[in-house]
Amino acid sequence: MKMLFASVAMAAALAAPAFADGHDSAETVMATVNGHDITVGHLIAMRQMLPAEYQQLPDEVLFEGMLEQLIQQQVLADVAEANVTREMELLLENEQRALMAATYMDDIAMAELGEEELQAAYDEAYGEVEPTVEYNAAHILVEGEEDAQNLLTALGEGADFAELAAENSIGPSGPNGGALGWFTEGMMVPEFEAAVMELEPGEVSSPVQTQFGWHVVLLNETREQAAPTLDDVRPELEETIRRGRVDARLEELMAEAEIVRPETEVDPALIRNQDLIAE
């Protein structure tokens, strides 16, 4: 297909064919191959299935490319039709089943979505969400408790926290003055997190031991992060609602369908045996 569109793009750029006015029906025939009509409707349907990169091509390029593709496919299909194998029949059945299912699900999912439905989904997901407290802290990580106590002594004598961190911390944040940036509950190891939550902004902790070593922690500031607005999470909510529609409808249809599964034992490895359908 890439080679086809590349060659047709060149031809379209040179020729730039004009299309007659008035032929705007899906039933307008653009070619007849061995008695089979290829219509504007076939082109419209084909364009919907193209990868995104092809859909960005100019209309005249797409038109000529898809028409040529459909003509070639019909020529080949006419020959293949005389020698249809069981494998081809099964593939066609699977493709038809998948296409019809996907089209139906898409219709269900993409039905109009009202603001009231979105608001209800937002209220359910975020209506009772409390603001999240965020912490901005820095730390100095050392190997032993005595080292941590020495740092506290130095801080008590007026030493700069960031300078001490750059000089002494064995953690990756040391060169940045020990700065950890903003984080919320659950993002740090429990011992470290508990120490941070006990501090007031501007306070320094007593030595804190974790699996990484001993920490001296400075809490710079805290802030509250409110729940996101509806517009902040609109795409996420829309996706959730549309997926929920499909799941709910599928569950209904599955419950209504007459599904019979014979108690037949089959070796799962048979799915690899293409010889069974190569007749």
C-alpha atoms as a PDB file:
ATOM      1  CA  MET A   1       0.000   0.000   0.000  1.00  0.00           C
ATOM      2  CA  LYS A   2       2.896   2.378   0.778  1.00  0.00           C
ATOM      3  CA  MET A   3       4.341   1.866  -2.712  1.00  0.00           C
ATOM      4  CA  LEU A   4       0.915   2.316  -4.257  1.00  0.00           C
ATOM      5  CA  PHE A   5       0.181   5.604  -2.500  1.00  0.00           C
ATOM      6  CA  ALA A   6       3.678   6.909  -3.199  1.00  0.00           C
ATOM      7  CA  SER A   7       3.306   6.351  -6.931  1.00  0.00           C
ATOM      8  CA  VAL A   8      -0.245   7.683  -7.022  1.00  0.00           C
ATOM      9  CA  ALA A   9       0.795  10.755  -5.015  1.00  0.00           C
ATOM     10  CA  MET A  10       3.360  11.595  -7.681  1.00  0.00           C
ATOM     11  CA  ALA A  11       0.809  11.121 -10.463  1.00  0.00           C
ATOM     12  CA  ALA A  12      -1.774  13.233  -8.627  1.00  0.00           C
ATOM     13  CA  ALA A  13       0.722  16.024  -8.051  1.00  0.00           C
ATOM     14  CA  LEU A  14       1.484  16.142 -11.788  1.00  0.00           C
ATOM     15  CA  ALA A  15      -1.992  15.537 -13.163  1.00  0.00           C
ATOM     16  CA  ALA A  16      -4.317  17.007 -10.485  1.00  0.00           C
ATOM     17  CA  PRO A  17      -7.466  15.500 -12.058  1.00  0.00           C
ATOM     18  CA  ALA A  18     -10.693  17.422 -11.854  1.00  0.00           C
ATOM     19  CA  PHE A  19     -13.886  15.703 -10.778  1.00  0.00           C
ATOM     20  CA  ALA A  20     -17.213  16.418 -12.415  1.00  0.00           C
ATOM     21  CA  ASP A  21     -19.838  18.252 -10.400  1.00  0.00           C
ATOM     22  CA  GLY A  22     -23.025  16.477  -9.445  1.00  0.00           C
ATOM     23  CA  HIS A  23     -21.554  13.048  -8.759  1.00  0.00           C
ATOM     24  CA  ASP A  24     -21.889  13.196  -4.989  1.00  0.00           C
ATOM     25  CA  SER A  25     -23.828   9.973  -4.409  1.00  0.00           C
ATOM     26  CA  ALA A  26     -22.349   6.996  -2.595  1.00  0.00           C
ATOM     27  CA  GLU A  27     -23.706   4.881  -5.463  1.00  0.00           C
ATOM     28  CA  THR A  28     -21.740   6.745  -8.143  1.00  0.00           C
ATOM     29  CA  VAL A  29     -19.727   4.126 -10.049  1.00  0.00           C
ATOM     30  CA  MET A  30     -16.023   4.958 -10.435  1.00  0.00           C
ATOM     31  CA  ALA A  31     -14.945   1.710 -12.103  1.00  0.00           C
ATOM     32  CA  THR A  32     -16.393  -1.624 -13.190  1.00  0.00           C
ATOM     33  CA  VAL A  33     -14.078  -4.619 -13.004  1.00  0.00           C
ATOM     34  CA  ASN A  34     -15.255  -7.869 -14.567  1.00  0.00           C
ATOM     35  CA  GLY A  35     -18.833  -6.808 -13.915  1.00  0.00           C
ATOM     36  CA  HIS A  36     -18.247  -5.652 -10.310  1.00  0.00           C
ATOM     37  CA  ASP A  37     -18.948  -1.973  -9.638  1.00  0.00           C
ATOM     38  CA  ILE A  38     -16.605   0.074  -7.444  1.00  0.00           C
ATOM     39  CA  THR A  39     -18.481   3.073  -6.106  1.00  0.00           C
ATOM     40  CA  VAL A  40     -17.827   6.270  -4.168  1.00  0.00           C
ATOM     41  CA  GLY A  41     -19.325   4.437  -1.195  1.00  0.00           C
ATOM     42  CA  HIS A  42     -16.579   1.823  -1.363  1.00  0.00           C
ATOM     43  CA  LEU A  43     -13.989   4.623  -1.305  1.00  0.00           C
ATOM     44  CA  ILE A  44     -15.629   6.292   1.692  1.00  0.00           C
ATOM     45  CA  ALA A  45     -15.707   3.015   3.606  1.00  0.00           C
ATOM     46  CA  MET A  46     -12.104   2.246   2.702  1.00  0.00           C
ATOM     47  CA  ARG A  47     -10.860   5.638   3.850  1.00  0.00           C
ATOM     48  CA  GLN A  48     -12.339   5.053   7.328  1.00  0.00           C
ATOM     49  CA  MET A  49     -10.133   1.982   7.724  1.00  0.00           C
ATOM     50  CA  LEU A  50      -6.862   3.575   6.601  1.00  0.00           C
ATOM     51  CA  PRO A  51      -4.024   4.160   9.097  1.00  0.00           C
ATOM     52  CA  ALA A  52      -3.825   7.733  10.388  1.00  0.00           C
ATOM     53  CA  GLU A  53      -0.773   8.620   8.289  1.00  0.00           C
ATOM     54  CA  TYR A  54      -2.655   7.901   5.062  1.00  0.00           C
ATOM     55  CA  GLN A  55      -5.747   9.821   6.155  1.00  0.00           C
ATOM     56  CA  GLN A  56      -3.636  12.976   6.257  1.00  0.00           C
ATOM     57  CA  LEU A  57      -2.902  12.783   2.519  1.00  0.00           C
ATOM     58  CA  PRO A  58      -4.692  15.221   0.167  1.00  0.00           C
ATOM     59  CA  ASP A  59      -8.123  14.036  -0.933  1.00  0.00           C
ATOM     60  CA  GLU A  60      -7.147  13.743  -4.598  1.00  0.00           C
ATOM     61  CA  VAL A  61      -4.205  11.521  -3.682  1.00  0.00           C
ATOM     62  CA  LEU A  62      -6.340   9.324  -1.443  1.00  0.00           C
ATOM     63  CA  PHE A  63      -9.106   9.134  -4.046  1.00  0.00           C
ATOM     64  CA  GLU A  64      -6.843   7.945  -6.839  1.00  0.00           C
ATOM     65  CA  GLY A  65      -4.811   5.692  -4.555  1.00  0.00           C
ATOM     66  CA  MET A  66      -7.798   3.942  -3.034  1.00  0.00           C
ATOM     67  CA  LEU A  67      -9.547   3.554  -6.380  1.00  0.00           C
ATOM     68  CA  GLU A  68      -6.467   1.939  -7.889  1.00  0.00           C
ATOM     69  CA  GLN A  69      -6.150  -0.275  -4.830  1.00  0.00           C
ATOM     70  CA  LEU A  70      -9.782  -1.420  -5.071  1.00  0.00           C
ATOM     71  CA  ILE A  71      -9.442  -2.121  -8.784  1.00  0.00           C
ATOM     72  CA  GLN A  72      -6.341  -4.231  -8.198  1.00  0.00           C
ATOM     73  CA  GLN A  73      -8.000  -6.052  -5.301  1.00  0.00           C
ATOM     74  CA  GLN A  74     -11.052  -6.871  -7.426  1.00  0.00           C
ATOM     75  CA  VAL A  75      -8.882  -8.205 -10.244  1.00  0.00           C
ATOM     76  CA  LEU A  76      -7.073 -10.453  -7.776  1.00  0.00           C
ATOM     77  CA  ALA A  77     -10.249 -11.428  -5.921  1.00  0.00           C
ATOM     78  CA  ASP A  78     -11.923 -12.534  -9.152  1.00  0.00           C
ATOM     79  CA  VAL A  79      -9.097 -14.974  -9.763  1.00  0.00           C
ATOM     80  CA  ALA A  80      -8.976 -16.127  -6.127  1.00  0.00           C
ATOM     81  CA  GLU A  81     -12.752 -16.646  -6.012  1.00  0.00           C
ATOM     82  CA  ALA A  82     -12.444 -19.622  -8.311  1.00  0.00           C
ATOM     83  CA  ASN A  83     -10.081 -21.287  -5.843  1.00  0.00           C
ATOM     84  CA  VAL A  84     -11.513 -20.431  -2.431  1.00  0.00           C
ATOM     85  CA  THR A  85     -10.000 -22.624   0.251  1.00  0.00           C
ATOM     86  CA  ARG A  86     -11.505 -23.568   3.585  1.00  0.00           C
ATOM     87  CA  GLU A  87      -8.888 -21.362   5.238  1.00  0.00           C
ATOM     88  CA  MET A  88     -10.043 -18.361   3.184  1.00  0.00           C
ATOM     89  CA  GLU A  89     -13.684 -19.061   4.107  1.00  0.00           C
ATOM     90  CA  LEU A  90     -12.817 -19.160   7.796  1.00  0.00           C
ATOM     91  CA  LEU A  91     -10.775 -15.974   7.558  1.00  0.00           C
ATOM     92  CA  LEU A  92     -13.654 -14.210   5.816  1.00  0.00           C
ATOM     93  CA  GLU A  93     -16.104 -15.367   8.481  1.00  0.00           C
ATOM     94  CA  ASN A  94     -13.800 -14.106  11.229  1.00  0.00           C
ATOM     95  CA  GLU A  95     -13.266 -10.772   9.489  1.00  0.00           C
ATOM     96  CA  GLN A  96     -16.985 -10.263   8.935  1.00  0.00           C
ATOM     97  CA  ARG A  97     -17.750 -11.160  12.551  1.00  0.00           C
ATOM     98  CA  ALA A  98     -15.064  -8.823  13.879  1.00  0.00           C
ATOM     99  CA  LEU A  99     -16.088  -5.935  11.622  1.00  0.00           C
ATOM    100  CA  MET A 100     -19.762  -6.167  12.521  1.00  0.00           C
ATOM    101  CA  ALA A 101     -18.999  -6.437  16.243  1.00  0.00           C
ATOM    102  CA  ALA A 102     -16.585  -3.492  16.142  1.00  0.00           C
ATOM    103  CA  THR A 103     -19.021  -1.326  14.185  1.00  0.00           C
ATOM    104  CA  TYR A 104     -21.855  -2.066  16.607  1.00  0.00           C
ATOM    105  CA  MET A 105     -19.667  -1.388  19.652  1.00  0.00           C
ATOM    106  CA  ASP A 106     -18.483   1.860  18.116  1.00  0.00           C
ATOM    107  CA  ASP A 107     -22.090   2.974  17.577  1.00  0.00           C
ATOM    108  CA  ILE A 108     -22.877   2.224  21.229  1.00  0.00           C
ATOM    109  CA  ALA A 109     -19.763   3.905  22.571  1.00  0.00           C
ATOM    110  CA  MET A 110     -19.904   7.021  20.409  1.00  0.00           C
ATOM    111  CA  ALA A 111     -23.573   7.854  20.917  1.00  0.00           C
ATOM    112  CA  GLU A 112     -24.128  11.435  22.056  1.00  0.00           C
ATOM    113  CA  LEU A 113     -22.753  12.080  25.510  1.00  0.00           C
ATOM    114  CA  GLY A 114     -24.616  14.783  27.442  1.00  0.00           C
ATOM    115  CA  GLU A 115     -23.218  17.200  29.989  1.00  0.00           C
ATOM    116  CA  GLU A 116     -25.526  15.798  32.668  1.00  0.00           C
ATOM    117  CA  GLU A 117     -24.076  12.318  32.162  1.00  0.00           C
ATOM    118  CA  LEU A 118     -20.560  13.704  32.422  1.00  0.00           C
ATOM    119  CA  GLN A 119     -21.427  15.665  35.551  1.00  0.00           C
ATOM    120  CA  ALA A 120     -22.921  12.571  37.183  1.00  0.00           C
ATOM    121  CA  ALA A 121     -19.787  10.569  36.406  1.00  0.00           C
ATOM    122  CA  TYR A 122     -17.627  13.370  37.780  1.00  0.00           C
ATOM    123  CA  ASP A 123     -19.654  13.592  40.996  1.00  0.00           C
ATOM    124  CA  GLU A 124     -19.399   9.846  41.495  1.00  0.00           C
ATOM    125  CA  ALA A 125     -15.645   9.800  40.945  1.00  0.00           C
ATOM    126  CA  TYR A 126     -14.591  13.057  42.599  1.00  0.00           C
ATOM    127  CA  GLY A 127     -17.553  14.423  44.544  1.00  0.00           C
ATOM    128  CA  GLU A 128     -16.259  13.225  47.913  1.00  0.00           C
ATOM    129  CA  VAL A 129     -12.541  13.491  47.238  1.00  0.00           C
ATOM    130  CA  GLU A 130     -10.726  15.446  49.934  1.00  0.00           C
ATOM    131  CA  PRO A 131      -7.921  17.837  49.007  1.00  0.00           C
ATOM    132  CA  THR A 132      -4.538  16.101  48.938  1.00  0.00           C
ATOM    133  CA  VAL A 133      -1.717  17.488  51.052  1.00  0.00           C
ATOM    134  CA  GLU A 134       1.546  17.834  49.154  1.00  0.00           C
ATOM    135  CA  TYR A 135       4.921  18.152  50.813  1.00  0.00           C
ATOM    136  CA  ASN A 136       8.049  19.897  49.607  1.00  0.00           C
ATOM    137  CA  ALA A 137      11.082  18.616  51.462  1.00  0.00           C
ATOM    138  CA  ALA A 138      14.834  18.135  51.305  1.00  0.00           C
ATOM    139  CA  HIS A 139      17.052  15.620  53.052  1.00  0.00           C
ATOM    140  CA  ILE A 140      20.623  14.700  53.752  1.00  0.00           C
ATOM    141  CA  LEU A 141      21.339  10.975  53.613  1.00  0.00           C
ATOM    142  CA  VAL A 142      24.320   9.578  55.501  1.00  0.00           C
ATOM    143  CA  GLU A 143      25.451   6.107  56.545  1.00  0.00           C
ATOM    144  CA  GLY A 144      25.336   6.335  60.347  1.00  0.00           C
ATOM    145  CA  GLU A 145      23.311   7.900  63.143  1.00  0.00           C
ATOM    146  CA  GLU A 146      26.367   9.696  64.479  1.00  0.00           C
ATOM    147  CA  ASP A 147      26.890  11.336  61.092  1.00  0.00           C
ATOM    148  CA  ALA A 148      23.272  12.506  61.168  1.00  0.00           C
ATOM    149  CA  GLN A 149      23.694  13.924  64.679  1.00  0.00           C
ATOM    150  CA  ASN A 150      26.781  15.827  63.562  1.00  0.00           C
ATOM    151  CA  LEU A 151      24.732  17.374  60.753  1.00  0.00           C
ATOM    152  CA  LEU A 152      22.086  18.497  63.238  1.00  0.00           C
ATOM    153  CA  THR A 153      24.791  20.100  65.360  1.00  0.00           C
ATOM    154  CA  ALA A 154      26.131  21.943  62.328  1.00  0.00           C
ATOM    155  CA  LEU A 155      22.661  23.138  61.415  1.00  0.00           C
ATOM    156  CA  GLY A 156      22.151  24.352  64.972  1.00  0.00           C
ATOM    157  CA  GLU A 157      25.295  26.416  64.607  1.00  0.00           C
ATOM    158  CA  GLY A 158      23.937  28.115  61.498  1.00  0.00           C
ATOM    159  CA  ALA A 159      25.178  25.925  58.647  1.00  0.00           C
ATOM    160  CA  ASP A 160      23.218  26.022  55.394  1.00  0.00           C
ATOM    161  CA  PHE A 161      21.124  22.883  54.800  1.00  0.00           C
ATOM    162  CA  ALA A 162      21.642  22.833  51.045  1.00  0.00           C
ATOM    163  CA  GLU A 163      25.402  23.235  51.379  1.00  0.00           C
ATOM    164  CA  LEU A 164      25.584  20.427  53.934  1.00  0.00           C
ATOM    165  CA  ALA A 165      23.567  18.205  51.633  1.00  0.00           C
ATOM    166  CA  ALA A 166      25.820  18.908  48.666  1.00  0.00           C
ATOM    167  CA  GLU A 167      28.904  18.167  50.760  1.00  0.00           C
ATOM    168  CA  ASN A 168      27.724  15.165  52.773  1.00  0.00           C
ATOM    169  CA  SER A 169      24.680  13.426  51.304  1.00  0.00           C
ATOM    170  CA  ILE A 170      25.242  10.030  49.718  1.00  0.00           C
ATOM    171  CA  GLY A 171      21.820  10.187  48.054  1.00  0.00           C
ATOM    172  CA  PRO A 172      21.215  11.214  44.416  1.00  0.00           C
ATOM    173  CA  SER A 173      19.587  14.486  45.498  1.00  0.00           C
ATOM    174  CA  GLY A 174      22.757  15.656  47.287  1.00  0.00           C
ATOM    175  CA  PRO A 175      24.151  17.755  44.419  1.00  0.00           C
ATOM    176  CA  ASN A 176      20.798  19.596  44.309  1.00  0.00           C
ATOM    177  CA  GLY A 177      20.970  20.523  47.967  1.00  0.00           C
ATOM    178  CA  GLY A 178      18.939  17.461  48.936  1.00  0.00           C
ATOM    179  CA  ALA A 179      15.799  18.817  47.265  1.00  0.00           C
ATOM    180  CA  LEU A 180      13.105  16.182  46.728  1.00  0.00           C
ATOM    181  CA  GLY A 181      10.455  18.424  45.190  1.00  0.00           C
ATOM    182  CA  TRP A 182       6.750  17.906  45.797  1.00  0.00           C
ATOM    183  CA  PHE A 183       5.338  14.539  46.835  1.00  0.00           C
ATOM    184  CA  THR A 184       2.206  13.138  48.428  1.00  0.00           C
ATOM    185  CA  GLU A 185       1.436  10.440  50.960  1.00  0.00           C
ATOM    186  CA  GLY A 186       2.459   6.999  49.784  1.00  0.00           C
ATOM    187  CA  MET A 187       5.330   8.122  47.568  1.00  0.00           C
ATOM    188  CA  MET A 188       8.104   7.758  50.166  1.00  0.00           C
ATOM    189  CA  VAL A 189       9.135   4.889  52.423  1.00  0.00           C
ATOM    190  CA  PRO A 190       6.989   4.798  55.590  1.00  0.00           C
ATOM    191  CA  GLU A 191       9.649   5.900  58.108  1.00  0.00           C
ATOM    192  CA  PHE A 192      10.656   8.881  56.002  1.00  0.00           C
ATOM    193  CA  GLU A 193       7.060   9.831  55.292  1.00  0.00           C
ATOM    194  CA  ALA A 194       6.081   9.686  58.978  1.00  0.00           C
ATOM    195  CA  ALA A 195       8.930  12.010  59.882  1.00  0.00           C
ATOM    196  CA  VAL A 196       7.931  14.529  57.209  1.00  0.00           C
ATOM    197  CA  MET A 197       4.299  14.582  58.357  1.00  0.00           C
ATOM    198  CA  GLU A 198       5.310  15.416  61.932  1.00  0.00           C
ATOM    199  CA  LEU A 199       7.212  18.537  60.870  1.00  0.00           C
ATOM    200  CA  GLU A 200       6.025  22.103  60.464  1.00  0.00           C
ATOM    201  CA  PRO A 201       7.312  24.058  57.469  1.00  0.00           C
ATOM    202  CA  GLY A 202      10.852  25.210  58.189  1.00  0.00           C
ATOM    203  CA  GLU A 203      11.538  22.487  60.782  1.00  0.00           C
ATOM    204  CA  VAL A 204      14.295  19.880  60.626  1.00  0.00           C
ATOM    205  CA  SER A 205      13.739  16.323  61.844  1.00  0.00           C
ATOM    206  CA  SER A 206      15.722  14.233  64.274  1.00  0.00           C
ATOM    207  CA  PRO A 207      17.759  11.495  62.563  1.00  0.00           C
ATOM    208  CA  VAL A 208      15.460   9.108  60.675  1.00  0.00           C
ATOM    209  CA  GLN A 209      16.546   5.590  59.809  1.00  0.00           C
ATOM    210  CA  THR A 210      15.291   3.853  56.644  1.00  0.00           C
ATOM    211  CA  GLN A 211      16.550   0.998  54.512  1.00  0.00           C
ATOM    212  CA  PHE A 212      18.760   3.511  52.697  1.00  0.00           C
ATOM    213  CA  GLY A 213      20.570   4.881  55.734  1.00  0.00           C
ATOM    214  CA  TRP A 214      20.063   7.827  58.096  1.00  0.00           C
ATOM    215  CA  HIS A 215      18.241  10.981  57.025  1.00  0.00           C
ATOM    216  CA  VAL A 216      18.061  14.523  58.270  1.00  0.00           C
ATOM    217  CA  VAL A 217      14.881  15.984  56.794  1.00  0.00           C
ATOM    218  CA  LEU A 218      13.880  19.592  56.178  1.00  0.00           C
ATOM    219  CA  LEU A 219      10.225  20.340  55.405  1.00  0.00           C
ATOM    220  CA  ASN A 220      10.158  23.431  53.216  1.00  0.00           C
ATOM    221  CA  GLU A 221       6.412  23.893  52.761  1.00  0.00           C
ATOM    222  CA  THR A 222       3.079  22.157  52.278  1.00  0.00           C
ATOM    223  CA  ARG A 223       0.112  22.850  50.065  1.00  0.00           C
ATOM    224  CA  GLU A 224      -3.304  21.393  49.330  1.00  0.00           C
ATOM    225  CA  GLN A 225      -4.047  19.962  45.932  1.00  0.00           C
ATOM    226  CA  ALA A 226      -7.776  20.175  45.285  1.00  0.00           C
ATOM    227  CA  ALA A 227      -9.672  17.555  43.312  1.00  0.00           C
ATOM    228  CA  PRO A 228      -9.465  18.106  39.544  1.00  0.00           C
ATOM    229  CA  THR A 229     -12.228  20.047  37.846  1.00  0.00           C
ATOM    230  CA  LEU A 230     -14.591  18.386  35.411  1.00  0.00           C
ATOM    231  CA  ASP A 231     -12.727  19.931  32.487  1.00  0.00           C
ATOM    232  CA  ASP A 232      -9.432  18.596  33.831  1.00  0.00           C
ATOM    233  CA  VAL A 233     -10.700  15.014  33.635  1.00  0.00           C
ATOM    234  CA  ARG A 234     -13.240  15.341  30.820  1.00  0.00           C
ATOM    235  CA  PRO A 235     -11.375  13.076  28.333  1.00  0.00           C
ATOM    236  CA  GLU A 236     -10.839  10.453  31.036  1.00  0.00           C
ATOM    237  CA  LEU A 237     -14.504  10.525  32.072  1.00  0.00           C
ATOM    238  CA  GLU A 238     -15.707  10.347  28.478  1.00  0.00           C
ATOM    239  CA  GLU A 239     -13.555   7.284  27.876  1.00  0.00           C
ATOM    240  CA  THR A 240     -14.827   5.661  31.070  1.00  0.00           C
ATOM    241  CA  ILE A 241     -18.464   6.313  30.172  1.00  0.00           C
ATOM    242  CA  ARG A 242     -18.082   5.045  26.614  1.00  0.00           C
ATOM    243  CA  ARG A 243     -16.285   1.912  27.769  1.00  0.00           C
ATOM    244  CA  GLY A 244     -18.966   1.374  30.405  1.00  0.00           C
ATOM    245  CA  ARG A 245     -21.701   1.626  27.773  1.00  0.00           C
ATOM    246  CA  VAL A 246     -20.070  -1.095  25.711  1.00  0.00           C
ATOM    247  CA  ASP A 247     -19.480  -3.353  28.721  1.00  0.00           C
ATOM    248  CA  ALA A 248     -23.068  -2.944  29.929  1.00  0.00           C
ATOM    249  CA  ARG A 249     -24.575  -3.606  26.500  1.00  0.00           C
ATOM    250  CA  LEU A 250     -22.337  -6.615  25.939  1.00  0.00           C
ATOM    251  CA  GLU A 251     -23.362  -8.029  29.302  1.00  0.00           C
ATOM    252  CA  GLU A 252     -27.041  -7.624  28.364  1.00  0.00           C
ATOM    253  CA  LEU A 253     -26.566  -9.304  24.999  1.00  0.00           C
ATOM    254  CA  MET A 254     -24.543 -12.145  26.470  1.00  0.00           C
ATOM    255  CA  ALA A 255     -27.311 -12.798  28.993  1.00  0.00           C
ATOM    256  CA  GLU A 256     -29.941 -12.843  26.228  1.00  0.00           C
ATOM    257  CA  ALA A 257     -27.962 -14.918  23.731  1.00  0.00           C
ATOM    258  CA  GLU A 258     -28.385 -18.637  23.292  1.00  0.00           C
ATOM    259  CA  ILE A 259     -24.848 -19.932  23.754  1.00  0.00           C
ATOM    260  CA  VAL A 260     -24.145 -23.654  23.627  1.00  0.00           C
ATOM    261  CA  ARG A 261     -20.692 -25.015  24.395  1.00  0.00           C
ATOM    262  CA  PRO A 262     -20.508 -28.758  23.777  1.00  0.00           C
ATOM    263  CA  GLU A 263     -18.574 -30.724  26.370  1.00  0.00           C
ATOM    264  CA  THR A 264     -15.893 -31.624  23.865  1.00  0.00           C
ATOM    265  CA  GLU A 265     -12.282 -31.929  24.907  1.00  0.00           C
ATOM    266  CA  VAL A 266      -9.831 -30.545  22.374  1.00  0.00           C
ATOM    267  CA  ASP A 267      -6.073 -30.270  22.663  1.00  0.00           C
ATOM    268  CA  PRO A 268      -5.349 -26.504  22.798  1.00  0.00           C
ATOM    269  CA  ALA A 269      -2.238 -27.126  20.692  1.00  0.00           C
ATOM    270  CA  LEU A 270      -4.535 -27.724  17.689  1.00  0.00           C
ATOM    271  CA  ILE A 271      -4.722 -23.952  17.133  1.00  0.00           C
ATOM    272  CA  ARG A 272      -1.194 -24.210  15.728  1.00  0.00           C
ATOM    273  CA  ASN A 273      -2.072 -26.915  13.213  1.00  0.00           C
ATOM    274  CA  GLN A 274      -2.762 -25.021   9.980  1.00  0.00           C
ATOM    275  CA  ASP A 275      -2.912 -28.266   8.042  1.00  0.00           C
ATOM    276  CA  LEU A 276      -6.424 -28.812   9.422  1.00  0.00           C
ATOM    277  CA  ILE A 277      -7.792 -25.859   7.445  1.00  0.00           C
ATOM    278  CA  ALA A 278      -5.510 -26.052   4.431  1.00  0.00           C
ATOM    279  CA  GLU A 279      -7.877 -28.276   2.465  1.00  0.00           C
END
